Protein backbone atom coordinates (compact mmCIF):
# COMPACT_ATOMS: atom_id res chain seq x y z
CA MET A 1 64.60 267.46 289.01
CA THR A 2 62.95 265.31 291.68
CA ASN A 3 64.34 261.96 292.81
CA SER A 4 61.56 260.20 290.92
CA GLU A 5 62.42 262.06 287.70
CA SER A 6 66.14 261.41 288.07
CA SER A 7 65.57 257.65 288.38
CA LYS A 8 63.80 257.53 285.00
CA THR A 9 65.78 256.68 281.92
CA TYR A 10 66.31 259.20 279.16
CA GLU A 11 63.96 257.16 276.99
CA ASP A 12 61.24 257.29 279.65
CA ARG A 13 61.55 261.07 280.02
CA ARG A 14 61.60 261.54 276.23
CA TYR A 15 58.45 259.40 275.89
CA GLU A 16 56.68 261.42 278.59
CA ARG A 17 57.55 264.69 276.82
CA LEU A 18 56.22 263.27 273.54
CA MET A 19 53.04 262.06 275.22
CA GLU A 20 52.48 265.50 276.78
CA SER A 21 52.96 267.20 273.42
CA ILE A 22 50.54 264.87 271.65
CA ASP A 23 48.00 265.38 274.43
CA GLU A 24 48.25 269.16 273.95
CA TYR A 25 47.20 268.70 270.31
CA LEU A 26 44.64 265.91 270.64
CA GLY A 27 43.42 266.20 274.23
CA ASP A 28 42.65 269.92 274.25
CA GLN A 29 39.91 271.87 272.51
CA GLY A 30 40.42 274.95 270.41
CA PRO A 31 41.23 276.25 266.96
CA ASP A 32 44.88 275.16 267.05
CA CYS A 33 44.21 271.62 268.31
CA GLY A 34 43.51 268.36 266.51
CA THR A 35 45.23 266.27 263.88
CA GLY A 36 45.62 269.09 261.35
CA PRO A 37 47.74 271.33 263.58
CA LEU A 38 49.66 268.29 264.87
CA PHE A 39 50.62 267.16 261.36
CA ARG A 40 51.36 270.74 260.29
CA ASP A 41 53.72 271.29 263.21
CA ILE A 42 55.44 267.90 262.78
CA GLN A 43 56.07 268.77 259.14
CA LYS A 44 57.38 272.24 260.07
CA ALA A 45 59.65 270.76 262.76
CA CYS A 46 61.08 268.27 260.26
CA ILE A 47 61.78 271.06 257.76
CA ASP A 48 63.45 273.21 260.43
CA LEU A 49 65.54 270.30 261.74
CA LYS A 50 66.59 269.31 258.24
CA SER A 51 67.74 272.86 257.58
CA TYR A 52 69.66 273.03 260.87
CA HIS A 53 71.38 269.70 260.29
CA GLN A 54 72.20 270.64 256.70
CA GLU A 55 74.00 273.71 258.03
CA CYS A 56 75.99 271.43 260.37
CA VAL A 57 76.87 269.09 257.50
CA ASP A 58 77.94 272.07 255.39
CA SER A 59 80.24 273.26 258.18
CA PHE A 60 81.81 269.81 258.57
CA THR A 61 82.29 269.62 254.81
CA THR A 62 83.99 273.02 254.76
CA VAL A 63 86.43 271.95 257.48
CA GLN A 64 87.05 268.60 255.80
CA ASP A 65 87.66 270.26 252.43
CA TYR A 66 90.25 272.52 254.04
CA PHE A 67 92.40 269.50 254.93
CA GLN A 68 92.17 267.85 251.52
């Protein structure tokens, strides 16, 4: 990480990553670019994240149930 990058806040770096990702979908040309693929991949990411976090919640619940 360069000195310039390390002086940026987490929020600034997160925003730049988001902007780069959106630009890959909307700023490039090709069959897997545009709003359709962007929305498709956002939906898929939300489904995958929901599943992952549900597994975490299930694990916490299992541990909590053990102590009750």
